[in-house]
């Protein structure tokens, strides 16, 4: 599988500008194979805004249609963070949604761990379950930003068969070392590939380092971005992952395997 991370600079609460930026980034990628997975950051068309009334969209809203159309027109898979409407009036849902090459929705994950320093949970209540879905034989699990600090969330997905974790984020520059260290740790402890796609630039509250990564199942860095908007690309080897899990069967010792 080919994975492509689009590390964008998100225009604050400006959906139209973000559509333009993302469309331009896609146009620079050239032809993509159907098995390619293109990943964009958390809340990719709004930024990390707590103004749910302004940025949240109903299921099938503008942002989701935009990403669905990109997947269909480029004949690839697209996974992106969106601000959706929540289950109750006035609530949002911080979600990652994946669309297939035909534009159909394949999976939807709601952030399990809202960020307390931003009182995110008051605006985007937490999800309650892991999501694992399939792309061309790969078992893929999406997660969102602060989820990265909670290894049990990854372990739950591993118990469901996850082989590739995709972490979309608005992770601030002040804790960039935590970001890179934890991405590698989640790969090592789960014997899995991990793709972490962060945003670049700044919003009215924070600055962001970029530093998107693709990490192999032994913790090796396969692709790494700097601080500026860019794309990064890596080839993932399913056979290599499965061989490593046979050669080093640590998952057989995990509580879920007993």
C-alpha atoms as a PDB file:
ATOM      1  CA  UNK A   1       0.000   0.000   0.000  1.00  0.00           C
ATOM      2  CA  UNK A   2       1.075   3.554  -0.695  1.00  0.00           C
ATOM      3  CA  UNK A   3       0.272   6.146   1.956  1.00  0.00           C
ATOM      4  CA  UNK A   4       0.408   9.872   1.299  1.00  0.00           C
ATOM      5  CA  UNK A   5       0.162  12.428   4.094  1.00  0.00           C
ATOM      6  CA  UNK A   6      -0.996  15.919   3.158  1.00  0.00           C
ATOM      7  CA  UNK A   7       0.383  18.204   5.866  1.00  0.00           C
ATOM      8  CA  UNK A   8      -1.712  21.294   5.257  1.00  0.00           C
ATOM      9  CA  UNK A   9      -1.848  24.730   6.827  1.00  0.00           C
ATOM     10  CA  UNK A  10      -5.482  25.007   7.878  1.00  0.00           C
ATOM     11  CA  UNK A  11      -7.272  28.326   7.387  1.00  0.00           C
ATOM     12  CA  UNK A  12      -9.101  29.170  10.605  1.00  0.00           C
ATOM     13  CA  UNK A  13     -12.843  28.431  10.370  1.00  0.00           C
ATOM     14  CA  UNK A  14     -12.697  29.007   6.605  1.00  0.00           C
ATOM     15  CA  UNK A  15     -14.053  25.989   4.774  1.00  0.00           C
ATOM     16  CA  UNK A  16     -13.789  27.460   1.272  1.00  0.00           C
ATOM     17  CA  UNK A  17     -10.129  28.409   1.690  1.00  0.00           C
ATOM     18  CA  UNK A  18      -9.329  24.958   3.007  1.00  0.00           C
ATOM     19  CA  UNK A  19     -11.085  23.306   0.083  1.00  0.00           C
ATOM     20  CA  UNK A  20      -8.901  25.373  -2.257  1.00  0.00           C
ATOM     21  CA  UNK A  21      -5.688  24.525  -0.390  1.00  0.00           C
ATOM     22  CA  UNK A  22      -6.470  20.825  -0.233  1.00  0.00           C
ATOM     23  CA  UNK A  23      -7.512  20.709  -3.878  1.00  0.00           C
ATOM     24  CA  UNK A  24      -4.234  22.339  -4.882  1.00  0.00           C
ATOM     25  CA  UNK A  25      -2.266  19.868  -2.758  1.00  0.00           C
ATOM     26  CA  UNK A  26      -4.075  16.956  -4.404  1.00  0.00           C
ATOM     27  CA  UNK A  27      -3.399  18.296  -7.873  1.00  0.00           C
ATOM     28  CA  UNK A  28       0.346  18.184  -7.163  1.00  0.00           C
ATOM     29  CA  UNK A  29       0.299  14.452  -6.358  1.00  0.00           C
ATOM     30  CA  UNK A  30      -0.120  13.195  -9.910  1.00  0.00           C
ATOM     31  CA  UNK A  31      -1.853   9.902 -10.747  1.00  0.00           C
ATOM     32  CA  UNK A  32      -2.714   7.710  -7.758  1.00  0.00           C
ATOM     33  CA  UNK A  33      -3.383   3.979  -7.608  1.00  0.00           C
ATOM     34  CA  UNK A  34      -6.632   2.730  -6.089  1.00  0.00           C
ATOM     35  CA  UNK A  35      -4.802   1.187  -3.142  1.00  0.00           C
ATOM     36  CA  UNK A  36      -3.275   4.564  -2.228  1.00  0.00           C
ATOM     37  CA  UNK A  37      -4.458   6.096   1.046  1.00  0.00           C
ATOM     38  CA  UNK A  38      -4.257   9.886   1.250  1.00  0.00           C
ATOM     39  CA  UNK A  39      -4.489  11.272   4.792  1.00  0.00           C
ATOM     40  CA  UNK A  40      -5.281  14.816   5.946  1.00  0.00           C
ATOM     41  CA  UNK A  41      -5.130  16.325   9.466  1.00  0.00           C
ATOM     42  CA  UNK A  42      -7.697  16.518  12.240  1.00  0.00           C
ATOM     43  CA  UNK A  43     -10.545  18.997  11.564  1.00  0.00           C
ATOM     44  CA  UNK A  44      -8.966  19.569   8.164  1.00  0.00           C
ATOM     45  CA  UNK A  45     -11.515  22.089   6.883  1.00  0.00           C
ATOM     46  CA  UNK A  46     -12.020  24.169  10.038  1.00  0.00           C
ATOM     47  CA  UNK A  47      -9.004  24.013  12.350  1.00  0.00           C
ATOM     48  CA  UNK A  48      -9.265  23.112  16.034  1.00  0.00           C
ATOM     49  CA  UNK A  49     -12.224  25.396  16.666  1.00  0.00           C
ATOM     50  CA  UNK A  50     -14.564  24.974  19.620  1.00  0.00           C
ATOM     51  CA  UNK A  51     -17.240  27.088  17.871  1.00  0.00           C
ATOM     52  CA  UNK A  52     -19.373  24.080  17.005  1.00  0.00           C
ATOM     53  CA  UNK A  53     -22.243  26.231  15.766  1.00  0.00           C
ATOM     54  CA  UNK A  54     -19.960  27.720  13.132  1.00  0.00           C
ATOM     55  CA  UNK A  55     -17.887  24.758  11.962  1.00  0.00           C
ATOM     56  CA  UNK A  56     -19.885  21.555  12.569  1.00  0.00           C
ATOM     57  CA  UNK A  57     -21.624  20.030   9.554  1.00  0.00           C
ATOM     58  CA  UNK A  58     -24.310  17.346   9.278  1.00  0.00           C
ATOM     59  CA  UNK A  59     -23.351  13.929   8.008  1.00  0.00           C
ATOM     60  CA  UNK A  60     -22.896  14.193   4.270  1.00  0.00           C
ATOM     61  CA  UNK A  61     -22.219  17.940   4.561  1.00  0.00           C
ATOM     62  CA  UNK A  62     -19.934  20.059   2.405  1.00  0.00           C
ATOM     63  CA  UNK A  63     -16.638  18.755   3.770  1.00  0.00           C
ATOM     64  CA  UNK A  64     -17.613  15.120   3.517  1.00  0.00           C
ATOM     65  CA  UNK A  65     -18.897  15.606  -0.028  1.00  0.00           C
ATOM     66  CA  UNK A  66     -15.630  17.368  -0.875  1.00  0.00           C
ATOM     67  CA  UNK A  67     -13.503  14.476   0.393  1.00  0.00           C
ATOM     68  CA  UNK A  68     -15.792  11.912  -1.235  1.00  0.00           C
ATOM     69  CA  UNK A  69     -15.451  13.716  -4.562  1.00  0.00           C
ATOM     70  CA  UNK A  70     -11.651  13.867  -4.200  1.00  0.00           C
ATOM     71  CA  UNK A  71     -11.506  10.119  -3.569  1.00  0.00           C
ATOM     72  CA  UNK A  72     -13.714   9.408  -6.577  1.00  0.00           C
ATOM     73  CA  UNK A  73     -12.016  11.817  -8.971  1.00  0.00           C
ATOM     74  CA  UNK A  74      -8.513  10.644  -8.047  1.00  0.00           C
ATOM     75  CA  UNK A  75      -9.561   6.982  -7.719  1.00  0.00           C
ATOM     76  CA  UNK A  76      -7.912   6.546  -4.320  1.00  0.00           C
ATOM     77  CA  UNK A  77      -8.772   6.329  -0.621  1.00  0.00           C
ATOM     78  CA  UNK A  78      -9.056   9.570   1.367  1.00  0.00           C
ATOM     79  CA  UNK A  79      -9.109   9.794   5.180  1.00  0.00           C
ATOM     80  CA  UNK A  80      -9.621  13.210   6.769  1.00  0.00           C
ATOM     81  CA  UNK A  81     -10.696  14.840  10.012  1.00  0.00           C
ATOM     82  CA  UNK A  82     -14.067  16.632   9.988  1.00  0.00           C
ATOM     83  CA  UNK A  83     -16.187  18.616  12.416  1.00  0.00           C
ATOM     84  CA  UNK A  84     -19.534  16.841  12.323  1.00  0.00           C
ATOM     85  CA  UNK A  85     -22.708  17.534  14.230  1.00  0.00           C
ATOM     86  CA  UNK A  86     -23.114  15.500  17.395  1.00  0.00           C
ATOM     87  CA  UNK A  87     -25.867  13.370  18.849  1.00  0.00           C
ATOM     88  CA  UNK A  88     -27.492  16.172  20.839  1.00  0.00           C
ATOM     89  CA  UNK A  89     -28.407  19.756  19.846  1.00  0.00           C
ATOM     90  CA  UNK A  90     -25.417  22.074  20.160  1.00  0.00           C
ATOM     91  CA  UNK A  91     -22.880  19.233  20.221  1.00  0.00           C
ATOM     92  CA  UNK A  92     -20.202  18.501  17.667  1.00  0.00           C
ATOM     93  CA  UNK A  93     -18.329  15.318  16.799  1.00  0.00           C
ATOM     94  CA  UNK A  94     -14.594  15.323  16.098  1.00  0.00           C
ATOM     95  CA  UNK A  95     -14.414  12.520  13.556  1.00  0.00           C
ATOM     96  CA  UNK A  96     -12.124  10.911  11.004  1.00  0.00           C
ATOM     97  CA  UNK A  97     -13.919   9.681   7.892  1.00  0.00           C
ATOM     98  CA  UNK A  98     -12.533   7.504   5.106  1.00  0.00           C
ATOM     99  CA  UNK A  99     -13.878   7.355   1.551  1.00  0.00           C
ATOM    100  CA  UNK A 100     -13.046   4.756  -1.084  1.00  0.00           C
ATOM    101  CA  UNK A 101     -12.174   5.170  -4.769  1.00  0.00           C
ATOM    102  CA  UNK A 102     -15.868   5.138  -5.678  1.00  0.00           C
ATOM    103  CA  UNK A 103     -16.546   7.982  -3.228  1.00  0.00           C
ATOM    104  CA  UNK A 104     -18.450   5.752  -0.787  1.00  0.00           C
ATOM    105  CA  UNK A 105     -17.877   6.107   2.946  1.00  0.00           C
ATOM    106  CA  UNK A 106     -15.847   3.192   4.307  1.00  0.00           C
ATOM    107  CA  UNK A 107     -15.413   4.087   7.962  1.00  0.00           C
ATOM    108  CA  UNK A 108     -16.117   6.764  10.547  1.00  0.00           C
ATOM    109  CA  UNK A 109     -14.317   7.132  13.869  1.00  0.00           C
ATOM    110  CA  UNK A 110     -15.105   9.548  16.695  1.00  0.00           C
ATOM    111  CA  UNK A 111     -12.251  10.830  18.882  1.00  0.00           C
ATOM    112  CA  UNK A 112     -12.138   8.825  22.098  1.00  0.00           C
ATOM    113  CA  UNK A 113     -10.128  11.296  24.171  1.00  0.00           C
ATOM    114  CA  UNK A 114     -11.083  14.982  23.842  1.00  0.00           C
ATOM    115  CA  UNK A 115      -8.291  17.372  24.799  1.00  0.00           C
ATOM    116  CA  UNK A 116      -9.019  18.676  28.337  1.00  0.00           C
ATOM    117  CA  UNK A 117      -6.807  21.791  28.154  1.00  0.00           C
ATOM    118  CA  UNK A 118      -9.120  23.126  25.445  1.00  0.00           C
ATOM    119  CA  UNK A 119     -12.280  21.827  27.157  1.00  0.00           C
ATOM    120  CA  UNK A 120     -12.848  19.934  23.944  1.00  0.00           C
ATOM    121  CA  UNK A 121     -15.201  17.457  25.575  1.00  0.00           C
ATOM    122  CA  UNK A 122     -17.677  20.260  26.318  1.00  0.00           C
ATOM    123  CA  UNK A 123     -18.036  20.816  22.573  1.00  0.00           C
ATOM    124  CA  UNK A 124     -17.114  17.472  21.024  1.00  0.00           C
ATOM    125  CA  UNK A 125     -18.134  14.630  23.371  1.00  0.00           C
ATOM    126  CA  UNK A 126     -15.984  11.504  23.289  1.00  0.00           C
ATOM    127  CA  UNK A 127     -16.591   8.493  21.118  1.00  0.00           C
ATOM    128  CA  UNK A 128     -16.862   5.091  22.735  1.00  0.00           C
ATOM    129  CA  UNK A 129     -15.266   2.480  20.464  1.00  0.00           C
ATOM    130  CA  UNK A 130     -12.355   1.580  18.263  1.00  0.00           C
ATOM    131  CA  UNK A 131     -12.882   1.314  14.519  1.00  0.00           C
ATOM    132  CA  UNK A 132     -11.039  -1.147  12.293  1.00  0.00           C
ATOM    133  CA  UNK A 133     -11.834  -1.392   8.584  1.00  0.00           C
ATOM    134  CA  UNK A 134     -10.215  -2.879   5.495  1.00  0.00           C
ATOM    135  CA  UNK A 135      -8.362  -1.367   2.560  1.00  0.00           C
ATOM    136  CA  UNK A 136      -7.103  -3.939   0.059  1.00  0.00           C
ATOM    137  CA  UNK A 137      -6.526  -6.556   2.727  1.00  0.00           C
ATOM    138  CA  UNK A 138      -5.011  -4.147   5.282  1.00  0.00           C
ATOM    139  CA  UNK A 139      -6.741  -3.746   8.640  1.00  0.00           C
ATOM    140  CA  UNK A 140      -6.752   0.015   9.278  1.00  0.00           C
ATOM    141  CA  UNK A 141      -7.633   1.882  12.475  1.00  0.00           C
ATOM    142  CA  UNK A 142      -8.034   5.687  12.546  1.00  0.00           C
ATOM    143  CA  UNK A 143      -7.346   7.734  15.690  1.00  0.00           C
ATOM    144  CA  UNK A 144      -7.289  11.446  16.450  1.00  0.00           C
ATOM    145  CA  UNK A 145      -4.597  13.574  18.106  1.00  0.00           C
ATOM    146  CA  UNK A 146      -4.866  13.265  21.928  1.00  0.00           C
ATOM    147  CA  UNK A 147      -5.790   9.577  21.493  1.00  0.00           C
ATOM    148  CA  UNK A 148      -2.087   9.059  20.843  1.00  0.00           C
ATOM    149  CA  UNK A 149      -1.352   9.396  24.586  1.00  0.00           C
ATOM    150  CA  UNK A 150      -3.549   6.403  25.455  1.00  0.00           C
ATOM    151  CA  UNK A 151      -1.966   3.068  24.514  1.00  0.00           C
ATOM    152  CA  UNK A 152      -5.052   1.144  25.596  1.00  0.00           C
ATOM    153  CA  UNK A 153      -7.030   2.681  22.714  1.00  0.00           C
ATOM    154  CA  UNK A 154      -4.475   1.317  20.248  1.00  0.00           C
ATOM    155  CA  UNK A 155      -4.415  -2.042  22.015  1.00  0.00           C
ATOM    156  CA  UNK A 156      -8.172  -2.327  21.676  1.00  0.00           C
ATOM    157  CA  UNK A 157      -7.840  -1.843  17.927  1.00  0.00           C
ATOM    158  CA  UNK A 158      -4.934  -4.301  17.745  1.00  0.00           C
ATOM    159  CA  UNK A 159      -7.159  -6.900  19.412  1.00  0.00           C
ATOM    160  CA  UNK A 160      -9.584  -6.311  16.527  1.00  0.00           C
ATOM    161  CA  UNK A 161      -6.816  -6.998  14.023  1.00  0.00           C
ATOM    162  CA  UNK A 162      -5.391  -3.529  13.298  1.00  0.00           C
ATOM    163  CA  UNK A 163      -2.174  -3.532  11.263  1.00  0.00           C
ATOM    164  CA  UNK A 164      -2.053   0.138  10.251  1.00  0.00           C
ATOM    165  CA  UNK A 165      -2.886   3.037  12.576  1.00  0.00           C
ATOM    166  CA  UNK A 166      -3.655   6.431  11.063  1.00  0.00           C
ATOM    167  CA  UNK A 167      -3.424   9.317  13.537  1.00  0.00           C
ATOM    168  CA  UNK A 168      -4.725  12.687  12.327  1.00  0.00           C
ATOM    169  CA  UNK A 169      -3.843  15.669  14.482  1.00  0.00           C
ATOM    170  CA  UNK A 170      -3.627  19.337  15.373  1.00  0.00           C
ATOM    171  CA  UNK A 171      -0.648  18.709  17.676  1.00  0.00           C
ATOM    172  CA  UNK A 172       1.097  21.865  18.989  1.00  0.00           C
ATOM    173  CA  UNK A 173       4.739  22.746  18.586  1.00  0.00           C
ATOM    174  CA  UNK A 174       5.318  22.871  22.360  1.00  0.00           C
ATOM    175  CA  UNK A 175       4.964  19.079  22.562  1.00  0.00           C
ATOM    176  CA  UNK A 176       6.368  17.977  19.220  1.00  0.00           C
ATOM    177  CA  UNK A 177       8.864  15.606  20.889  1.00  0.00           C
ATOM    178  CA  UNK A 178       5.949  13.805  22.520  1.00  0.00           C
ATOM    179  CA  UNK A 179       4.264  13.489  19.119  1.00  0.00           C
ATOM    180  CA  UNK A 180       7.200  11.825  17.405  1.00  0.00           C
ATOM    181  CA  UNK A 181       8.120   9.654  20.378  1.00  0.00           C
ATOM    182  CA  UNK A 182       4.589   8.367  20.920  1.00  0.00           C
ATOM    183  CA  UNK A 183       4.013   7.602  17.237  1.00  0.00           C
ATOM    184  CA  UNK A 184       7.091   5.389  17.290  1.00  0.00           C
ATOM    185  CA  UNK A 185       6.080   3.817  20.607  1.00  0.00           C
ATOM    186  CA  UNK A 186       2.616   2.901  19.323  1.00  0.00           C
ATOM    187  CA  UNK A 187       4.221   1.249  16.278  1.00  0.00           C
ATOM    188  CA  UNK A 188       6.744  -0.707  18.349  1.00  0.00           C
ATOM    189  CA  UNK A 189       4.353  -1.978  21.010  1.00  0.00           C
ATOM    190  CA  UNK A 190       1.659  -3.020  18.491  1.00  0.00           C
ATOM    191  CA  UNK A 191       4.044  -4.329  15.800  1.00  0.00           C
ATOM    192  CA  UNK A 192       2.147  -2.135  13.357  1.00  0.00           C
ATOM    193  CA  UNK A 193       2.611   0.638  10.846  1.00  0.00           C
ATOM    194  CA  UNK A 194       1.667   4.086  12.140  1.00  0.00           C
ATOM    195  CA  UNK A 195       0.942   7.114   9.960  1.00  0.00           C
ATOM    196  CA  UNK A 196       0.738  10.412  11.836  1.00  0.00           C
ATOM    197  CA  UNK A 197      -0.456  13.439   9.849  1.00  0.00           C
ATOM    198  CA  UNK A 198      -0.315  16.762  11.669  1.00  0.00           C
ATOM    199  CA  UNK A 199      -1.109  20.266  10.475  1.00  0.00           C
ATOM    200  CA  UNK A 200       1.332  23.096   9.782  1.00  0.00           C
ATOM    201  CA  UNK A 201       1.119  26.821  10.555  1.00  0.00           C
ATOM    202  CA  UNK A 202      -0.825  28.435  13.368  1.00  0.00           C
ATOM    203  CA  UNK A 203      -4.323  29.350  14.540  1.00  0.00           C
ATOM    204  CA  UNK A 204      -5.426  32.102  16.971  1.00  0.00           C
ATOM    205  CA  UNK A 205      -4.381  29.937  19.911  1.00  0.00           C
ATOM    206  CA  UNK A 206      -1.424  27.733  18.971  1.00  0.00           C
ATOM    207  CA  UNK A 207       1.446  27.094  16.589  1.00  0.00           C
ATOM    208  CA  UNK A 208       1.908  23.707  14.975  1.00  0.00           C
ATOM    209  CA  UNK A 209       5.136  21.934  13.974  1.00  0.00           C
ATOM    210  CA  UNK A 210       4.016  19.717  11.138  1.00  0.00           C
ATOM    211  CA  UNK A 211       6.405  16.804  11.765  1.00  0.00           C
ATOM    212  CA  UNK A 212       4.144  14.242  10.141  1.00  0.00           C
ATOM    213  CA  UNK A 213       5.619  10.731  10.207  1.00  0.00           C
ATOM    214  CA  UNK A 214       5.254   7.294   8.725  1.00  0.00           C
ATOM    215  CA  UNK A 215       6.649   4.658  11.091  1.00  0.00           C
ATOM    216  CA  UNK A 216       7.312   0.989  10.393  1.00  0.00           C
ATOM    217  CA  UNK A 217       6.393  -1.885  12.718  1.00  0.00           C
ATOM    218  CA  UNK A 218       9.870  -1.979  14.287  1.00  0.00           C
ATOM    219  CA  UNK A 219       9.733   1.756  15.034  1.00  0.00           C
ATOM    220  CA  UNK A 220      11.782   2.788  12.005  1.00  0.00           C
ATOM    221  CA  UNK A 221      10.934   6.143  10.393  1.00  0.00           C
ATOM    222  CA  UNK A 222       9.965   5.622   6.752  1.00  0.00           C
ATOM    223  CA  UNK A 223       8.990   9.216   5.909  1.00  0.00           C
ATOM    224  CA  UNK A 224       9.193  12.463   7.837  1.00  0.00           C
ATOM    225  CA  UNK A 225       7.975  16.002   7.160  1.00  0.00           C
ATOM    226  CA  UNK A 226       9.358  19.314   8.327  1.00  0.00           C
ATOM    227  CA  UNK A 227       7.349  22.295   9.539  1.00  0.00           C
ATOM    228  CA  UNK A 228       5.949  23.596   6.228  1.00  0.00           C
ATOM    229  CA  UNK A 229       2.913  22.437   4.254  1.00  0.00           C
ATOM    230  CA  UNK A 230       3.933  19.453   2.157  1.00  0.00           C
ATOM    231  CA  UNK A 231       3.139  15.903   1.174  1.00  0.00           C
ATOM    232  CA  UNK A 232       5.008  12.823   2.347  1.00  0.00           C
ATOM    233  CA  UNK A 233       4.791   9.372   0.848  1.00  0.00           C
ATOM    234  CA  UNK A 234       5.785   5.858   1.883  1.00  0.00           C
ATOM    235  CA  UNK A 235       5.308   2.297   0.685  1.00  0.00           C
ATOM    236  CA  UNK A 236       4.007  -0.167   3.264  1.00  0.00           C
ATOM    237  CA  UNK A 237       4.847  -3.856   3.002  1.00  0.00           C
ATOM    238  CA  UNK A 238       2.131  -6.197   4.231  1.00  0.00           C
ATOM    239  CA  UNK A 239       4.338  -9.268   3.991  1.00  0.00           C
ATOM    240  CA  UNK A 240       7.082  -7.618   6.035  1.00  0.00           C
ATOM    241  CA  UNK A 241       4.629  -6.685   8.780  1.00  0.00           C
ATOM    242  CA  UNK A 242       3.199 -10.181   9.009  1.00  0.00           C
ATOM    243  CA  UNK A 243       6.675 -11.741   9.004  1.00  0.00           C
ATOM    244  CA  UNK A 244       7.769  -9.484  11.877  1.00  0.00           C
ATOM    245  CA  UNK A 245       4.707 -10.498  13.870  1.00  0.00           C
ATOM    246  CA  UNK A 246       5.673 -14.152  13.334  1.00  0.00           C
ATOM    247  CA  UNK A 247       9.357 -13.598  14.116  1.00  0.00           C
ATOM    248  CA  UNK A 248       8.684 -11.517  17.225  1.00  0.00           C
ATOM    249  CA  UNK A 249       5.312 -12.761  18.564  1.00  0.00           C
ATOM    250  CA  UNK A 250       4.883 -10.201  21.350  1.00  0.00           C
ATOM    251  CA  UNK A 251       1.184  -9.794  20.605  1.00  0.00           C
ATOM    252  CA  UNK A 252       0.648 -13.440  21.577  1.00  0.00           C
ATOM    253  CA  UNK A 253       1.654 -12.429  25.121  1.00  0.00           C
ATOM    254  CA  UNK A 254      -0.819  -9.523  25.302  1.00  0.00           C
ATOM    255  CA  UNK A 255      -3.799  -9.866  27.655  1.00  0.00           C
ATOM    256  CA  UNK A 256      -6.272  -9.921  24.756  1.00  0.00           C
ATOM    257  CA  UNK A 257      -4.522 -13.027  23.333  1.00  0.00           C
ATOM    258  CA  UNK A 258      -4.642 -15.070  26.540  1.00  0.00           C
END
